[in-house]
Amino acid sequence: MPEDSKLNIRLHVYDEEIAMVLHNRADEEYYRAAAKLISERYGAYAQAYKGRKSDHTIALMTLIEIALRYEKEMGKNDTTPYDNILSQLTSEIEEAMK
């Protein structure tokens, strides 16, 4: 990958600045949206549990929530049932054409 296609950015995530090197400039908006989501969700958990849970536990709670959202979204995009139906219909059509 050409060196000039890399992009150095700084993301503000909750209370930290994180330097990132992106290898695909088109991903910048996704990185920034991800940083914003993490900051918002971590902030909500920190406000609700600060002093009662450790920072580590709050971070893990944030990760679990975001991973849960991801898993639910991936479940919506499961095309296996459609692929199976299409394969079955294709087989039936091919049989009928013989």
C-alpha atoms as a PDB file:
ATOM      1  CA  MET A   1       0.000   0.000   0.000  1.00  0.00           C
ATOM      2  CA  PRO A   2       1.448   3.393  -0.905  1.00  0.00           C
ATOM      3  CA  GLU A   3       2.627   5.448   2.068  1.00  0.00           C
ATOM      4  CA  ASP A   4       0.592   8.475   0.958  1.00  0.00           C
ATOM      5  CA  SER A   5      -2.669   6.532   1.242  1.00  0.00           C
ATOM      6  CA  LYS A   6      -2.288   6.288   5.020  1.00  0.00           C
ATOM      7  CA  LEU A   7      -4.080   8.816   7.177  1.00  0.00           C
ATOM      8  CA  ASN A   8      -3.054   9.812  10.704  1.00  0.00           C
ATOM      9  CA  ILE A   9      -5.973  10.917  12.861  1.00  0.00           C
ATOM     10  CA  ARG A  10      -6.613  11.607  16.527  1.00  0.00           C
ATOM     11  CA  LEU A  11      -9.808  10.335  18.073  1.00  0.00           C
ATOM     12  CA  HIS A  12     -11.316  11.696  21.250  1.00  0.00           C
ATOM     13  CA  VAL A  13     -12.673   8.662  23.118  1.00  0.00           C
ATOM     14  CA  TYR A  14     -14.343   9.552  26.414  1.00  0.00           C
ATOM     15  CA  ASP A  15     -11.502  11.308  28.231  1.00  0.00           C
ATOM     16  CA  GLU A  16      -8.550  10.309  26.060  1.00  0.00           C
ATOM     17  CA  GLU A  17      -7.020  11.244  22.737  1.00  0.00           C
ATOM     18  CA  ILE A  18      -6.017   8.217  20.708  1.00  0.00           C
ATOM     19  CA  ALA A  19      -3.737   8.428  17.668  1.00  0.00           C
ATOM     20  CA  MET A  20      -4.681   6.103  14.833  1.00  0.00           C
ATOM     21  CA  VAL A  21      -3.146   5.319  11.464  1.00  0.00           C
ATOM     22  CA  LEU A  22      -5.816   4.448   8.927  1.00  0.00           C
ATOM     23  CA  HIS A  23      -4.864   2.414   5.901  1.00  0.00           C
ATOM     24  CA  ASN A  24      -8.116   3.220   4.152  1.00  0.00           C
ATOM     25  CA  ARG A  25      -9.065   6.882   4.117  1.00  0.00           C
ATOM     26  CA  ALA A  26     -12.682   5.979   3.417  1.00  0.00           C
ATOM     27  CA  ASP A  27     -12.920   4.460   6.917  1.00  0.00           C
ATOM     28  CA  GLU A  28     -12.304   7.761   8.725  1.00  0.00           C
ATOM     29  CA  GLU A  29     -15.991   8.538   9.211  1.00  0.00           C
ATOM     30  CA  TYR A  30     -16.552   5.070  10.675  1.00  0.00           C
ATOM     31  CA  TYR A  31     -13.693   5.480  13.132  1.00  0.00           C
ATOM     32  CA  ARG A  32     -15.031   8.861  14.226  1.00  0.00           C
ATOM     33  CA  ALA A  33     -18.570   7.490  14.597  1.00  0.00           C
ATOM     34  CA  ALA A  34     -17.218   4.543  16.595  1.00  0.00           C
ATOM     35  CA  ALA A  35     -15.289   6.874  18.909  1.00  0.00           C
ATOM     36  CA  LYS A  36     -18.427   8.947  19.435  1.00  0.00           C
ATOM     37  CA  LEU A  37     -20.544   5.859  20.216  1.00  0.00           C
ATOM     38  CA  ILE A  38     -17.970   4.529  22.671  1.00  0.00           C
ATOM     39  CA  SER A  39     -17.725   7.922  24.371  1.00  0.00           C
ATOM     40  CA  GLU A  40     -21.501   8.251  24.687  1.00  0.00           C
ATOM     41  CA  ARG A  41     -22.068   4.751  26.028  1.00  0.00           C
ATOM     42  CA  TYR A  42     -19.054   4.803  28.366  1.00  0.00           C
ATOM     43  CA  GLY A  43     -20.200   8.188  29.654  1.00  0.00           C
ATOM     44  CA  ALA A  44     -23.662   6.841  30.397  1.00  0.00           C
ATOM     45  CA  TYR A  45     -22.263   3.860  32.314  1.00  0.00           C
ATOM     46  CA  ALA A  46     -19.715   6.038  34.117  1.00  0.00           C
ATOM     47  CA  GLN A  47     -22.452   8.409  35.240  1.00  0.00           C
ATOM     48  CA  ALA A  48     -24.647   5.556  36.446  1.00  0.00           C
ATOM     49  CA  TYR A  49     -21.941   3.449  38.125  1.00  0.00           C
ATOM     50  CA  LYS A  50     -19.007   5.746  38.998  1.00  0.00           C
ATOM     51  CA  GLY A  51     -17.834   4.987  42.517  1.00  0.00           C
ATOM     52  CA  ARG A  52     -19.678   1.652  42.537  1.00  0.00           C
ATOM     53  CA  LYS A  53     -17.907  -0.087  39.646  1.00  0.00           C
ATOM     54  CA  SER A  54     -14.277   0.084  38.542  1.00  0.00           C
ATOM     55  CA  ASP A  55     -13.294   1.869  35.347  1.00  0.00           C
ATOM     56  CA  HIS A  56     -12.365  -1.530  33.939  1.00  0.00           C
ATOM     57  CA  THR A  57     -15.841  -2.927  34.641  1.00  0.00           C
ATOM     58  CA  ILE A  58     -17.474   0.164  33.128  1.00  0.00           C
ATOM     59  CA  ALA A  59     -15.338  -0.306  30.006  1.00  0.00           C
ATOM     60  CA  LEU A  60     -16.365  -3.956  29.792  1.00  0.00           C
ATOM     61  CA  MET A  61     -20.040  -3.061  30.211  1.00  0.00           C
ATOM     62  CA  THR A  62     -19.638  -0.596  27.341  1.00  0.00           C
ATOM     63  CA  LEU A  63     -17.978  -3.236  25.169  1.00  0.00           C
ATOM     64  CA  ILE A  64     -20.710  -5.749  25.931  1.00  0.00           C
ATOM     65  CA  GLU A  65     -23.445  -3.308  24.938  1.00  0.00           C
ATOM     66  CA  ILE A  66     -21.729  -2.403  21.669  1.00  0.00           C
ATOM     67  CA  ALA A  67     -20.948  -6.050  20.892  1.00  0.00           C
ATOM     68  CA  LEU A  68     -24.588  -6.930  21.570  1.00  0.00           C
ATOM     69  CA  ARG A  69     -25.705  -4.284  19.072  1.00  0.00           C
ATOM     70  CA  TYR A  70     -23.236  -5.690  16.551  1.00  0.00           C
ATOM     71  CA  GLU A  71     -24.403  -9.273  17.061  1.00  0.00           C
ATOM     72  CA  LYS A  72     -28.064  -8.284  16.693  1.00  0.00           C
ATOM     73  CA  GLU A  73     -27.287  -6.413  13.485  1.00  0.00           C
ATOM     74  CA  MET A  74     -25.303  -9.336  12.110  1.00  0.00           C
ATOM     75  CA  GLY A  75     -28.263 -11.609  12.876  1.00  0.00           C
ATOM     76  CA  LYS A  76     -30.487  -9.391  10.759  1.00  0.00           C
ATOM     77  CA  ASN A  77     -28.100  -9.811   7.845  1.00  0.00           C
ATOM     78  CA  ASP A  78     -28.050 -13.600   7.895  1.00  0.00           C
ATOM     79  CA  THR A  79     -28.851 -14.603   4.325  1.00  0.00           C
ATOM     80  CA  THR A  80     -28.584 -18.354   4.918  1.00  0.00           C
ATOM     81  CA  PRO A  81     -32.372 -18.941   4.920  1.00  0.00           C
ATOM     82  CA  TYR A  82     -32.717 -17.024   1.649  1.00  0.00           C
ATOM     83  CA  ASP A  83     -29.751 -18.830   0.112  1.00  0.00           C
ATOM     84  CA  ASN A  84     -31.286 -22.179   1.053  1.00  0.00           C
ATOM     85  CA  ILE A  85     -34.655 -21.285  -0.461  1.00  0.00           C
ATOM     86  CA  LEU A  86     -33.012 -20.003  -3.648  1.00  0.00           C
ATOM     87  CA  SER A  87     -30.951 -23.188  -3.956  1.00  0.00           C
ATOM     88  CA  GLN A  88     -34.043 -25.307  -3.475  1.00  0.00           C
ATOM     89  CA  LEU A  89     -36.039 -23.303  -6.040  1.00  0.00           C
ATOM     90  CA  THR A  90     -33.151 -23.436  -8.507  1.00  0.00           C
ATOM     91  CA  SER A  91     -32.983 -27.211  -8.138  1.00  0.00           C
ATOM     92  CA  GLU A  92     -36.731 -27.542  -8.649  1.00  0.00           C
ATOM     93  CA  ILE A  93     -36.620 -25.319 -11.754  1.00  0.00           C
ATOM     94  CA  GLU A  94     -33.704 -27.293 -13.187  1.00  0.00           C
ATOM     95  CA  GLU A  95     -35.558 -30.560 -12.548  1.00  0.00           C
ATOM     96  CA  ALA A  96     -38.718 -29.242 -14.207  1.00  0.00           C
ATOM     97  CA  MET A  97     -36.727 -28.159 -17.269  1.00  0.00           C
ATOM     98  CA  LYS A  98     -35.280 -31.653 -17.860  1.00  0.00           C
END
